[in-house]
């Protein structure tokens, strides 16, 4: 996919299309097929095989461009940086500054390969500048210093409020040639060394080890002024983090607190919007306590159920992982249910395809019906036929199964039999198909994240999944004929239908086919343990509409429930479990034969 096409797709309003596009961009930039993208308030960061970007917020006009900018930056880190070397640096100003220098280096390499990334990085720079301006009065001197150096590396002029700090101006003058050298960093190791050199220079300045007057632009900016001296005293606290540990543990406690404060106060391009908006303990915390939560019913735009984080969601590929004996027994039972319907569909498709020949052609295969004319007419030159372009089997089909706890027992047994019968028949008939399952389960790390966000005073009113991660299963993926994984179908806990539907649709949209059909098997309304049911339902309706508008044919199959009628324009309600396989295959057959 070209960079321009990816940029256009990234601006599409549909949630599942945007998330799918982010994954494609990450794979293109990193050159790694298996890399995935997750959302979390704890982002941004790069993990093994995964890029975590800050949680989406729809409050800002350029928000999607900003998120793509985060993705570009993190993908460039994953491709060009030595992440282990950077992570080995102790927390503090040196580590933050090394990351700032490294980000400038990898961004330059990214733009050389993908010039279109300049737009999204520009949006990210503008976003970081707005965050810094809003929080500037509360920032510690060391955070201001890192931001001013980041500005200098990107050749950006400081704002009027940033330029008012005399000591910052003096520090940048003192390290000007080192900052110029940092722009030419060629590796992560050099970025770290450049950061260490800059910090050492500024530390020497604060300690009086340099000629202060040579770094000032006017008398009022003398480094010996009371204001500058007080500021450098605060700066020295940062370097106390590297002091030896006291016997009574005092230094360890101070180090932990100072490191947390530094992380909370950090601003810049590589920092999370939530981290940049963290509240000052003595400032806005009281205001937030008295602020009314944002109304969930405000506005007329369809509401989506937004998870607190997607980084904990688990996607497991079970293609071919089932026991052979269990799959053979399941396949035998499935074929007994649907063999007659499958044979009729095969005959109908074959008959339809046999009449799609273009005759009287000069090239192609010999047309037996024209052999007699060829023998009796010496000048006859068109005894060939070619197969017409037919899309009878150019269809990709996804079967998505609700694995919630309410499906336990007879329901899941019949659902397993049904999808096994469908997948087996479609595979025999040369259709591309995929079988997926979904549920949600409690997640202790997500619970811990929620508690941290509450403690930080974050506004959580826009989220609707807090402590449950998605448990997504791929029982049979596209392109594989092995159906043994269907024997592994089991039940989970809850069913956030809208999010799972977006996931399945994004996978289906990547398939090259004339038609795409998505069948969803469910036994009730969407549900999570801690989500608002009304938001979950409006989320499902909005995603069904978005997916349908992209040309994917959706069918909701209600298992002993008519709940699907409330969400899917095309639906089937099966009131007798024994009729599930034959009923669904009959409906699917009519869809496949319908042009």
Protein backbone atom coordinates (compact mmCIF):
# COMPACT_ATOMS: atom_id res chain seq x y z
CA UNK A 1 0.00 0.00 0.00
CA UNK A 2 1.43 3.39 -1.01
CA UNK A 3 2.09 6.09 1.56
CA UNK A 4 -0.49 8.39 -0.06
CA UNK A 5 -3.13 5.69 0.03
CA UNK A 6 -2.35 4.92 3.66
CA UNK A 7 -2.63 8.62 4.49
CA UNK A 8 -6.06 8.85 2.89
CA UNK A 9 -7.26 5.69 4.60
CA UNK A 10 -6.04 6.96 7.96
CA UNK A 11 -8.50 9.85 7.75
CA UNK A 12 -11.54 7.62 7.21
CA UNK A 13 -14.10 8.01 10.00
CA UNK A 14 -14.84 4.32 10.48
CA UNK A 15 -13.10 3.03 13.58
CA UNK A 16 -12.28 -0.44 12.32
CA UNK A 17 -10.86 0.91 9.04
CA UNK A 18 -8.63 3.35 10.94
CA UNK A 19 -7.29 0.70 13.29
CA UNK A 20 -6.68 -1.69 10.39
CA UNK A 21 -4.83 1.04 8.52
CA UNK A 22 -2.58 1.74 11.52
CA UNK A 23 -1.55 -1.91 11.55
CA UNK A 24 -0.76 -1.82 7.83
CA UNK A 25 1.32 1.35 8.20
CA UNK A 26 3.26 -0.21 11.08
CA UNK A 27 4.01 -3.35 9.05
CA UNK A 28 5.09 -1.33 6.01
CA UNK A 29 7.42 0.98 7.95
CA UNK A 30 8.99 -1.69 10.16
CA UNK A 31 9.14 -4.34 7.45
CA UNK A 32 7.85 -6.89 9.98
CA UNK A 33 4.71 -8.80 9.10
CA UNK A 34 3.80 -9.81 12.65
CA UNK A 35 3.87 -6.35 14.27
CA UNK A 36 0.58 -5.20 15.81
CA UNK A 37 -0.79 -1.88 17.08
CA UNK A 38 -2.50 -1.37 20.45
CA UNK A 39 -4.01 1.62 22.25
CA UNK A 40 -3.28 2.46 25.88
CA UNK A 41 -3.23 5.52 28.16
CA UNK A 42 0.25 4.31 29.16
CA UNK A 43 1.56 4.81 25.60
CA UNK A 44 3.49 5.64 23.59
CA UNK A 45 6.10 2.87 23.64
CA UNK A 46 7.51 0.04 21.57
CA UNK A 47 7.33 -3.56 22.78
CA UNK A 48 8.45 -6.83 21.23
CA UNK A 49 6.21 -7.30 18.21
CA UNK A 50 3.82 -4.52 19.25
CA UNK A 51 3.55 -0.75 19.04
CA UNK A 52 1.49 0.91 21.78
CA UNK A 53 0.14 4.35 20.91
CA UNK A 54 -1.82 6.70 23.17
CA UNK A 55 -5.52 6.10 23.54
CA UNK A 56 -7.66 7.82 20.94
CA UNK A 57 -9.51 11.01 21.84
CA UNK A 58 -11.99 12.62 19.45
CA UNK A 59 -11.81 16.08 21.02
CA UNK A 60 -9.23 17.49 18.62
CA UNK A 61 -9.72 18.13 14.90
CA UNK A 62 -6.33 16.70 13.93
CA UNK A 63 -6.41 13.88 16.48
CA UNK A 64 -6.18 11.08 13.92
CA UNK A 65 -3.26 12.75 12.18
CA UNK A 66 -1.59 13.06 15.58
CA UNK A 67 -2.10 9.35 16.26
CA UNK A 68 -0.65 8.46 12.87
CA UNK A 69 2.28 10.71 13.78
CA UNK A 70 2.77 8.73 16.99
CA UNK A 71 2.63 5.51 14.98
CA UNK A 72 5.17 6.78 12.44
CA UNK A 73 7.55 7.83 15.20
CA UNK A 74 7.26 4.55 17.13
CA UNK A 75 7.55 2.44 13.97
CA UNK A 76 10.71 4.38 13.10
CA UNK A 77 12.02 3.65 16.61
CA UNK A 78 11.28 -0.05 16.16
CA UNK A 79 13.12 -0.13 12.83
CA UNK A 80 16.11 2.13 13.41
CA UNK A 81 16.74 2.34 17.19
CA UNK A 82 18.60 0.09 19.59
CA UNK A 83 15.75 -0.15 22.08
CA UNK A 84 17.74 -2.21 24.58
CA UNK A 85 20.51 0.40 24.77
CA UNK A 86 18.03 3.20 25.39
CA UNK A 87 16.08 1.18 27.95
CA UNK A 88 19.29 0.44 29.86
CA UNK A 89 19.74 4.11 30.74
CA UNK A 90 18.72 4.99 34.32
CA UNK A 91 15.60 7.18 34.58
CA UNK A 92 16.31 10.89 34.55
CA UNK A 93 17.19 13.81 32.35
CA UNK A 94 19.93 11.97 30.46
CA UNK A 95 17.58 9.16 29.41
CA UNK A 96 14.87 11.63 28.36
CA UNK A 97 17.31 13.72 26.38
CA UNK A 98 18.81 10.64 24.70
CA UNK A 99 15.34 9.61 23.56
CA UNK A 100 14.67 13.12 22.21
CA UNK A 101 17.90 13.04 20.18
CA UNK A 102 17.18 9.51 18.98
CA UNK A 103 13.64 10.45 17.93
CA UNK A 104 15.01 13.26 15.78
CA UNK A 105 17.45 10.84 14.15
CA UNK A 106 14.90 8.13 13.35
CA UNK A 107 12.35 10.71 12.16
CA UNK A 108 14.91 11.98 9.65
CA UNK A 109 15.44 8.43 8.36
CA UNK A 110 11.69 7.87 8.16
CA UNK A 111 11.10 11.01 6.11
CA UNK A 112 13.89 10.01 3.72
CA UNK A 113 12.07 6.73 3.00
CA UNK A 114 8.49 8.01 3.27
CA UNK A 115 8.23 11.75 2.54
CA UNK A 116 4.51 11.67 3.32
CA UNK A 117 5.34 11.03 6.97
CA UNK A 118 6.40 14.67 7.26
CA UNK A 119 2.73 15.74 7.44
CA UNK A 120 1.87 13.44 10.34
CA UNK A 121 5.07 14.19 12.25
CA UNK A 122 4.25 17.87 11.76
CA UNK A 123 0.82 17.29 13.32
CA UNK A 124 2.52 15.51 16.21
CA UNK A 125 4.96 18.39 16.67
CA UNK A 126 2.10 20.89 16.77
CA UNK A 127 0.27 18.72 19.31
CA UNK A 128 3.37 18.50 21.53
CA UNK A 129 3.82 22.29 21.32
CA UNK A 130 0.23 22.89 22.46
CA UNK A 131 0.66 20.51 25.39
CA UNK A 132 3.92 22.19 26.43
CA UNK A 133 2.37 25.65 26.23
CA UNK A 134 -0.59 24.63 28.39
CA UNK A 135 1.60 23.09 31.07
CA UNK A 136 4.60 25.43 30.92
CA UNK A 137 3.88 27.32 34.20
CA UNK A 138 3.84 24.03 36.15
CA UNK A 139 6.85 22.37 34.51
CA UNK A 140 10.04 21.79 36.46
CA UNK A 141 13.16 23.45 35.06
CA UNK A 142 14.61 20.12 33.88
CA UNK A 143 11.47 19.33 31.85
CA UNK A 144 11.65 22.80 30.30
CA UNK A 145 15.29 22.24 29.41
CA UNK A 146 14.56 18.95 27.62
CA UNK A 147 11.71 20.59 25.71
CA UNK A 148 13.84 23.57 24.66
CA UNK A 149 16.55 21.21 23.40
CA UNK A 150 13.91 19.21 21.53
CA UNK A 151 12.73 22.47 19.94
CA UNK A 152 16.30 23.29 18.91
CA UNK A 153 16.84 19.84 17.39
CA UNK A 154 13.76 20.36 15.21
CA UNK A 155 14.87 23.91 14.30
CA UNK A 156 11.77 25.39 15.95
CA UNK A 157 11.81 28.86 17.49
CA UNK A 158 10.74 29.05 21.15
CA UNK A 159 7.51 30.79 22.00
CA UNK A 160 7.52 34.08 23.87
CA UNK A 161 6.82 32.40 27.21
CA UNK A 162 9.56 29.81 26.63
CA UNK A 163 12.10 32.51 25.73
CA UNK A 164 11.49 34.37 29.01
CA UNK A 165 13.59 31.89 31.00
CA UNK A 166 17.06 33.42 31.29
CA UNK A 167 18.70 30.30 32.70
CA UNK A 168 17.30 28.14 29.89
CA UNK A 169 18.66 30.52 27.30
CA UNK A 170 22.05 30.44 29.00
CA UNK A 171 22.04 26.64 29.16
CA UNK A 172 21.22 26.35 25.44
CA UNK A 173 24.00 28.83 24.59
CA UNK A 174 26.40 26.79 26.71
CA UNK A 175 25.55 23.57 24.91
CA UNK A 176 24.94 25.00 21.44
CA UNK A 177 27.77 23.15 19.68
CA UNK A 178 26.80 19.92 21.46
CA UNK A 179 23.20 20.32 20.29
CA UNK A 180 24.48 20.85 16.74
CA UNK A 181 26.46 17.62 17.09
CA UNK A 182 23.35 15.83 18.36
CA UNK A 183 21.58 16.64 15.07
CA UNK A 184 24.14 14.47 13.26
CA UNK A 185 23.76 11.42 15.50
CA UNK A 186 24.18 8.23 13.47
CA UNK A 187 23.19 5.59 16.02
CA UNK A 188 21.44 5.05 19.31
CA UNK A 189 24.78 4.83 21.06
CA UNK A 190 25.78 8.23 19.67
CA UNK A 191 22.43 9.69 20.78
CA UNK A 192 23.13 8.53 24.33
CA UNK A 193 26.66 9.93 24.24
CA UNK A 194 25.42 13.28 22.91
CA UNK A 195 22.84 13.45 25.70
CA UNK A 196 25.45 12.67 28.34
CA UNK A 197 27.69 15.42 26.96
CA UNK A 198 24.90 18.01 27.01
CA UNK A 199 23.91 17.12 30.56
CA UNK A 200 27.53 17.28 31.71
CA UNK A 201 27.90 20.74 30.14
CA UNK A 202 24.77 22.10 31.81
CA UNK A 203 25.73 20.53 35.12
CA UNK A 204 29.12 22.24 34.93
CA UNK A 205 27.35 25.51 34.19
CA UNK A 206 25.10 25.16 37.25
CA UNK A 207 28.10 24.29 39.41
CA UNK A 208 30.00 27.37 38.25
CA UNK A 209 32.53 25.32 36.30
CA UNK A 210 32.13 27.48 33.17
CA UNK A 211 32.40 31.16 32.40
CA UNK A 212 28.76 32.08 32.89
CA UNK A 213 28.90 35.50 31.25
CA UNK A 214 29.97 34.14 27.87
CA UNK A 215 26.69 32.27 27.58
CA UNK A 216 24.39 35.23 28.14
CA UNK A 217 22.91 37.56 25.57
CA UNK A 218 22.43 40.50 27.90
CA UNK A 219 23.16 41.52 31.48
CA UNK A 220 19.71 40.56 32.70
CA UNK A 221 20.40 36.94 31.72
CA UNK A 222 23.49 36.56 33.85
CA UNK A 223 23.65 33.06 35.25
CA UNK A 224 24.48 34.44 38.68
CA UNK A 225 21.10 36.14 39.13
CA UNK A 226 18.98 34.92 42.02
CA UNK A 227 16.35 33.56 39.69
CA UNK A 228 18.85 31.54 37.70
CA UNK A 229 20.62 30.26 40.78
CA UNK A 230 17.38 29.07 42.33
CA UNK A 231 16.46 27.35 39.10
CA UNK A 232 19.75 25.50 38.89
CA UNK A 233 19.34 24.34 42.47
CA UNK A 234 16.16 22.60 41.34
CA UNK A 235 18.02 21.20 38.36
CA UNK A 236 20.66 19.72 40.64
CA UNK A 237 17.95 17.64 42.32
CA UNK A 238 17.63 15.65 39.14
CA UNK A 239 21.25 14.54 39.27
CA UNK A 240 20.82 13.49 42.88
CA UNK A 241 19.00 10.47 41.43
CA UNK A 242 22.37 9.05 40.51
CA UNK A 243 23.83 9.46 44.02
CA UNK A 244 24.83 6.38 46.08
CA UNK A 245 22.12 4.67 48.10
CA UNK A 246 22.04 5.68 51.74
CA UNK A 247 22.10 2.98 54.38
CA UNK A 248 18.65 3.94 55.67
CA UNK A 249 17.09 3.82 52.19
CA UNK A 250 16.39 7.58 52.12
CA UNK A 251 17.97 8.03 48.72
CA UNK A 252 15.95 5.15 47.23
CA UNK A 253 12.70 6.75 48.33
CA UNK A 254 13.79 10.12 46.94
CA UNK A 255 14.86 8.50 43.67
CA UNK A 256 11.52 6.80 43.18
CA UNK A 257 9.58 9.98 43.91
CA UNK A 258 11.78 12.16 41.72
CA UNK A 259 11.64 9.69 38.86
CA UNK A 260 7.85 9.58 39.05
CA UNK A 261 7.68 13.36 39.13
CA UNK A 262 9.98 13.63 36.14
CA UNK A 263 7.83 11.17 34.17
CA UNK A 264 4.66 13.00 35.09
CA UNK A 265 6.08 16.38 34.09
CA UNK A 266 7.67 15.26 30.81
CA UNK A 267 6.40 16.91 27.66
CA UNK A 268 7.35 16.52 24.03
CA UNK A 269 6.66 14.53 20.91
CA UNK A 270 7.32 11.10 22.38
CA UNK A 271 5.11 11.54 25.45
CA UNK A 272 1.55 10.37 25.95
CA UNK A 273 -1.25 12.97 25.78
CA UNK A 274 -2.55 11.62 29.09
CA UNK A 275 0.89 11.94 30.65
CA UNK A 276 1.19 15.46 29.28
CA UNK A 277 -2.15 16.33 30.80
CA UNK A 278 -1.41 14.86 34.24
CA UNK A 279 -2.60 17.12 37.01
CA UNK A 280 -0.42 19.08 39.34
CA UNK A 281 -1.00 17.78 42.86
CA UNK A 282 -1.60 21.25 44.29
CA UNK A 283 -3.28 22.70 41.20
CA UNK A 284 -5.98 21.15 39.07
CA UNK A 285 -6.66 18.11 41.21
CA UNK A 286 -9.22 20.04 43.21
CA UNK A 287 -10.83 21.38 40.06
CA UNK A 288 -11.13 17.90 38.61
CA UNK A 289 -12.78 16.62 41.75
CA UNK A 290 -15.61 19.10 41.33
CA UNK A 291 -15.94 18.74 37.56
CA UNK A 292 -19.06 17.02 36.33
CA UNK A 293 -18.38 13.99 34.09
CA UNK A 294 -19.09 14.46 30.44
CA UNK A 295 -22.60 13.33 29.56
CA UNK A 296 -22.78 10.10 27.62
CA UNK A 297 -25.90 11.26 25.83
CA UNK A 298 -24.58 14.58 24.57
CA UNK A 299 -24.74 15.12 20.82
CA UNK A 300 -26.33 13.12 18.06
CA UNK A 301 -23.26 11.27 16.76
CA UNK A 302 -23.39 7.46 17.28
CA UNK A 303 -21.55 6.48 20.42
CA UNK A 304 -18.78 3.92 20.35
CA UNK A 305 -17.75 1.72 23.24
CA UNK A 306 -14.13 2.75 23.79
CA UNK A 307 -11.86 0.49 25.85
CA UNK A 308 -9.50 1.94 28.42
CA UNK A 309 -6.66 0.12 26.60
CA UNK A 310 -6.25 -2.43 23.82
CA UNK A 311 -2.68 -3.42 24.67
CA UNK A 312 -3.89 -6.30 26.85
CA UNK A 313 -6.17 -7.80 24.18
CA UNK A 314 -5.04 -11.28 23.13
CA UNK A 315 -5.38 -12.71 19.63
CA UNK A 316 -4.64 -16.45 19.39
CA UNK A 317 -4.27 -18.32 16.10
CA UNK A 318 -5.48 -21.89 16.61
CA UNK A 319 -5.49 -22.89 12.92
CA UNK A 320 -4.66 -26.59 12.80
CA UNK A 321 -4.17 -26.76 16.59
CA UNK A 322 -7.09 -29.05 17.41
CA UNK A 323 -6.77 -32.75 18.14
CA UNK A 324 -7.07 -34.82 14.97
CA UNK A 325 -9.48 -37.35 16.47
CA UNK A 326 -11.77 -34.62 17.85
CA UNK A 327 -11.81 -32.83 14.50
CA UNK A 328 -12.58 -36.00 12.54
CA UNK A 329 -15.54 -36.74 14.80
CA UNK A 330 -16.79 -33.16 14.47
CA UNK A 331 -16.37 -33.21 10.68
CA UNK A 332 -18.26 -36.49 10.38
CA UNK A 333 -21.19 -35.09 12.35
CA UNK A 334 -21.09 -31.83 10.40
CA UNK A 335 -21.15 -33.53 7.00
CA UNK A 336 -24.07 -35.67 8.04
CA UNK A 337 -26.00 -32.45 8.72
CA UNK A 338 -25.18 -30.53 5.55
CA UNK A 339 -24.04 -32.97 2.83
CA UNK A 340 -27.27 -32.72 0.75
CA UNK A 341 -27.29 -28.91 0.86
CA UNK A 342 -23.60 -28.77 -0.02
CA UNK A 343 -24.10 -31.06 -3.02
CA UNK A 344 -26.99 -28.95 -4.31
CA UNK A 345 -24.94 -25.79 -3.95
CA UNK A 346 -22.04 -27.41 -5.82
CA UNK A 347 -24.32 -28.42 -8.69
CA UNK A 348 -25.88 -24.97 -8.86
CA UNK A 349 -22.51 -23.23 -8.89
CA UNK A 350 -21.10 -25.63 -11.51
CA UNK A 351 -24.11 -25.21 -13.79
CA UNK A 352 -23.89 -21.47 -13.48
CA UNK A 353 -20.20 -21.51 -14.35
CA UNK A 354 -20.53 -23.93 -17.29
CA UNK A 355 -22.66 -21.48 -19.27
CA UNK A 356 -20.17 -18.68 -18.83
CA UNK A 357 -18.11 -19.37 -21.93
CA UNK A 358 -17.23 -16.88 -24.65
CA UNK A 359 -17.32 -18.79 -27.95
CA UNK A 360 -16.08 -18.02 -31.49
CA UNK A 361 -12.69 -16.84 -30.26
CA UNK A 362 -9.35 -16.83 -32.13
CA UNK A 363 -7.51 -17.99 -29.02
CA UNK A 364 -8.31 -20.17 -26.07
CA UNK A 365 -9.19 -23.81 -25.70
CA UNK A 366 -10.78 -25.86 -28.47
CA UNK A 367 -14.56 -25.67 -28.51
CA UNK A 368 -15.76 -29.19 -29.24
CA UNK A 369 -19.02 -27.87 -30.67
CA UNK A 370 -17.00 -26.04 -33.37
CA UNK A 371 -14.93 -29.05 -34.51
CA UNK A 372 -17.36 -30.01 -37.27
CA UNK A 373 -17.41 -26.47 -38.65
CA UNK A 374 -13.60 -26.42 -38.54
CA UNK A 375 -13.47 -29.61 -40.67
CA UNK A 376 -16.00 -28.41 -43.26
CA UNK A 377 -14.99 -24.75 -43.56
CA UNK A 378 -11.30 -24.32 -44.52
CA UNK A 379 -11.35 -20.55 -43.81
CA UNK A 380 -12.88 -20.92 -40.38
CA UNK A 381 -10.55 -19.22 -37.85
CA UNK A 382 -12.50 -19.04 -34.57
CA UNK A 383 -12.89 -22.57 -33.19
CA UNK A 384 -11.87 -21.58 -29.67
CA UNK A 385 -13.64 -20.59 -26.52
CA UNK A 386 -12.55 -18.67 -23.41
CA UNK A 387 -14.04 -18.72 -19.96
CA UNK A 388 -15.93 -15.56 -19.12
CA UNK A 389 -14.92 -13.60 -16.06
CA UNK A 390 -17.15 -15.14 -13.43
CA UNK A 391 -17.36 -14.12 -9.80
CA UNK A 392 -19.46 -17.02 -8.64
CA UNK A 393 -16.79 -18.22 -6.22
CA UNK A 394 -14.83 -14.98 -5.88
CA UNK A 395 -16.22 -14.52 -2.37
CA UNK A 396 -14.48 -14.26 1.01
CA UNK A 397 -16.56 -15.37 3.98
CA UNK A 398 -15.95 -14.87 7.70
CA UNK A 399 -17.85 -16.79 10.37
CA UNK A 400 -17.71 -14.93 13.70
CA UNK A 401 -18.83 -16.81 16.81
CA UNK A 402 -19.97 -15.32 20.12
CA UNK A 403 -18.12 -17.27 22.85
CA UNK A 404 -19.78 -15.65 25.86
CA UNK A 405 -20.61 -17.63 28.98
CA UNK A 406 -24.30 -17.75 28.06
CA UNK A 407 -23.36 -19.96 25.08
CA UNK A 408 -22.16 -22.74 27.38
CA UNK A 409 -23.70 -26.19 27.03
CA UNK A 410 -25.90 -27.19 24.15
CA UNK A 411 -25.61 -23.82 22.40
CA UNK A 412 -21.84 -23.89 21.97
CA UNK A 413 -21.98 -27.54 20.87
CA UNK A 414 -24.46 -26.74 18.10
CA UNK A 415 -22.64 -23.54 17.16
CA UNK A 416 -19.39 -25.51 16.87
CA UNK A 417 -21.14 -28.07 14.70
CA UNK A 418 -22.70 -25.34 12.55
CA UNK A 419 -19.51 -23.42 11.82
CA UNK A 420 -17.68 -26.70 11.23
CA UNK A 421 -20.32 -27.72 8.67
CA UNK A 422 -20.18 -24.33 6.94
CA UNK A 423 -16.39 -24.08 6.91
CA UNK A 424 -16.03 -27.67 5.68
CA UNK A 425 -18.54 -27.15 2.86
CA UNK A 426 -17.06 -23.79 1.81
CA UNK A 427 -13.53 -25.20 1.79
CA UNK A 428 -14.62 -28.14 -0.37
CA UNK A 429 -16.30 -25.70 -2.76
CA UNK A 430 -13.11 -23.59 -3.06
CA UNK A 431 -14.42 -20.53 -1.21
CA UNK A 432 -12.03 -18.49 0.92
CA UNK A 433 -13.31 -18.57 4.49
CA UNK A 434 -12.22 -17.78 8.01
CA UNK A 435 -13.65 -18.84 11.38
CA UNK A 436 -13.23 -16.50 14.36
CA UNK A 437 -14.45 -16.40 17.95
CA UNK A 438 -14.58 -13.68 20.58
CA UNK A 439 -15.25 -13.02 24.25
CA UNK A 440 -13.84 -10.85 27.02
CA UNK A 441 -12.27 -11.91 30.31
CA UNK A 442 -11.10 -10.12 33.46
CA UNK A 443 -7.53 -8.84 33.24
CA UNK A 444 -5.46 -8.02 36.35
CA UNK A 445 -2.97 -5.72 34.54
CA UNK A 446 -5.89 -3.77 33.06
CA UNK A 447 -7.38 -3.44 36.56
CA UNK A 448 -4.03 -2.07 37.75
CA UNK A 449 -3.99 0.41 34.87
CA UNK A 450 -7.49 1.58 35.80
CA UNK A 451 -6.42 2.16 39.40
CA UNK A 452 -3.38 4.17 38.26
CA UNK A 453 -5.53 6.34 36.01
CA UNK A 454 -8.02 6.95 38.83
CA UNK A 455 -5.20 7.85 41.20
CA UNK A 456 -3.86 10.33 38.61
CA UNK A 457 -7.28 11.98 38.42
CA UNK A 458 -7.83 11.06 34.75
CA UNK A 459 -11.29 11.60 33.24
CA UNK A 460 -12.58 8.07 32.53
CA UNK A 461 -16.10 9.00 31.47
CA UNK A 462 -15.41 8.37 27.77
CA UNK A 463 -14.47 4.71 28.28
CA UNK A 464 -16.80 1.73 28.43
CA UNK A 465 -14.50 -1.26 28.96
CA UNK A 466 -12.23 -0.93 31.96
CA UNK A 467 -11.00 -4.24 33.38
CA UNK A 468 -11.78 -6.85 30.70
CA UNK A 469 -9.47 -7.67 27.81
CA UNK A 470 -10.64 -9.08 24.50
CA UNK A 471 -9.98 -12.80 24.04
CA UNK A 472 -9.95 -13.25 20.26
CA UNK A 473 -9.51 -16.67 18.65
CA UNK A 474 -8.72 -17.59 15.03
CA UNK A 475 -9.90 -21.14 14.55
CA UNK A 476 -9.32 -21.23 10.80
CA UNK A 477 -7.57 -18.38 8.99
CA UNK A 478 -7.84 -17.35 5.38
CA UNK A 479 -5.54 -19.25 3.04
CA UNK A 480 -5.29 -22.39 5.18
CA UNK A 481 -7.26 -25.57 4.35
CA UNK A 482 -6.69 -27.02 7.84
CA UNK A 483 -9.93 -26.98 9.85
CA UNK A 484 -8.71 -28.91 12.90
CA UNK A 485 -8.69 -25.74 15.02
CA UNK A 486 -12.50 -25.74 15.03
CA UNK A 487 -12.37 -28.56 17.58
CA UNK A 488 -10.94 -25.98 20.04
CA UNK A 489 -14.07 -23.80 20.11
CA UNK A 490 -15.04 -23.09 23.73
CA UNK A 491 -16.74 -20.44 25.88
CA UNK A 492 -15.33 -17.37 27.57
CA UNK A 493 -16.95 -14.71 29.76
CA UNK A 494 -18.63 -11.66 28.17
CA UNK A 495 -19.33 -10.48 24.61
CA UNK A 496 -18.43 -6.92 23.47
CA UNK A 497 -19.94 -7.51 20.02
CA UNK A 498 -19.10 -4.15 18.44
CA UNK A 499 -15.35 -4.34 19.03
CA UNK A 500 -15.18 -7.97 17.89
CA UNK A 501 -17.19 -7.15 14.78
CA UNK A 502 -14.76 -4.37 13.87
CA UNK A 503 -11.83 -6.76 14.34
CA UNK A 504 -13.37 -9.43 12.10
CA UNK A 505 -14.40 -6.87 9.47
CA UNK A 506 -10.88 -5.41 9.35
CA UNK A 507 -9.46 -8.88 8.65
CA UNK A 508 -12.11 -9.56 6.02
CA UNK A 509 -11.56 -6.20 4.30
CA UNK A 510 -7.94 -7.18 3.61
CA UNK A 511 -9.04 -10.09 1.42
CA UNK A 512 -9.09 -9.59 -2.33
CA UNK A 513 -12.54 -10.72 -3.43
CA UNK A 514 -15.48 -9.45 -5.45
CA UNK A 515 -17.77 -10.01 -2.48
CA UNK A 516 -17.23 -10.23 1.27
CA UNK A 517 -19.73 -11.84 3.62
CA UNK A 518 -19.56 -11.70 7.42
CA UNK A 519 -21.88 -13.97 9.42
CA UNK A 520 -22.16 -13.36 13.16
CA UNK A 521 -23.51 -16.04 15.50
CA UNK A 522 -24.83 -14.65 18.80
CA UNK A 523 -27.30 -15.63 21.50
CA UNK A 524 -28.14 -12.22 22.95
CA UNK A 525 -27.27 -8.57 23.38
CA UNK A 526 -23.71 -7.25 23.69
CA UNK A 527 -22.43 -7.24 27.25
CA UNK A 528 -19.36 -6.60 29.40
CA UNK A 529 -18.96 -6.85 33.14
CA UNK A 530 -18.37 -3.13 33.65
CA UNK A 531 -19.78 -1.46 30.53
CA UNK A 532 -22.94 0.59 29.99
CA UNK A 533 -25.36 -1.68 28.07
CA UNK A 534 -26.85 1.26 26.15
CA UNK A 535 -23.43 2.36 24.93
CA UNK A 536 -22.61 -1.22 23.93
CA UNK A 537 -25.80 -1.38 21.86
CA UNK A 538 -25.30 1.98 20.17
CA UNK A 539 -21.70 0.95 19.50
CA UNK A 540 -22.83 -2.23 17.76
CA UNK A 541 -25.37 -0.37 15.61
CA UNK A 542 -22.77 2.23 14.59
CA UNK A 543 -20.23 -0.43 13.63
CA UNK A 544 -22.79 -2.45 11.68
CA UNK A 545 -23.65 0.67 9.69
CA UNK A 546 -20.00 1.53 9.07
CA UNK A 547 -19.13 -1.99 7.94
CA UNK A 548 -22.15 -2.20 5.67
CA UNK A 549 -21.25 1.10 4.04
CA UNK A 550 -17.94 -0.44 2.96
CA UNK A 551 -19.64 -3.14 0.94
CA UNK A 552 -19.33 -6.02 3.40
CA UNK A 553 -22.52 -8.10 3.52
CA UNK A 554 -23.50 -8.67 7.14
CA UNK A 555 -25.80 -11.41 8.43
CA UNK A 556 -26.73 -11.81 12.08
CA UNK A 557 -27.64 -15.33 13.19
CA UNK A 558 -29.64 -15.36 16.43
CA UNK A 559 -29.34 -18.59 18.40
CA UNK A 560 -32.57 -18.95 20.39
CA UNK A 561 -32.93 -15.15 20.48
CA UNK A 562 -34.29 -12.39 18.27
CA UNK A 563 -31.78 -9.84 19.58
CA UNK A 564 -30.04 -9.82 16.17
CA UNK A 565 -33.13 -8.18 14.68
CA UNK A 566 -32.28 -5.00 16.62
CA UNK A 567 -28.82 -4.65 15.08
CA UNK A 568 -28.48 -6.45 11.75
CA UNK A 569 -30.66 -5.48 8.77
CA UNK A 570 -30.16 -9.03 7.41
CA UNK A 571 -30.73 -11.61 10.12
CA UNK A 572 -31.82 -15.17 10.83
CA UNK A 573 -33.43 -16.34 14.05
CA UNK A 574 -33.03 -20.06 14.76
CA UNK A 575 -35.51 -21.21 17.39
CA UNK A 576 -34.60 -24.91 17.29
CA UNK A 577 -30.97 -25.77 17.84
CA UNK A 578 -31.14 -28.91 15.72
CA UNK A 579 -32.03 -26.78 12.68
CA UNK A 580 -29.05 -24.42 13.04
CA UNK A 581 -26.58 -26.00 10.54
CA UNK A 582 -29.08 -26.67 7.75
CA UNK A 583 -30.87 -23.32 8.15
CA UNK A 584 -27.71 -21.25 8.05
CA UNK A 585 -26.17 -23.15 5.12
CA UNK A 586 -29.42 -22.76 3.22
CA UNK A 587 -29.36 -18.99 3.70
CA UNK A 588 -25.68 -18.79 2.79
CA UNK A 589 -26.31 -20.86 -0.35
CA UNK A 590 -28.97 -18.42 -1.53
CA UNK A 591 -26.58 -15.52 -0.92
CA UNK A 592 -23.80 -17.19 -2.91
CA UNK A 593 -26.09 -17.91 -5.85
CA UNK A 594 -27.58 -14.42 -5.76
CA UNK A 595 -25.80 -12.07 -8.15
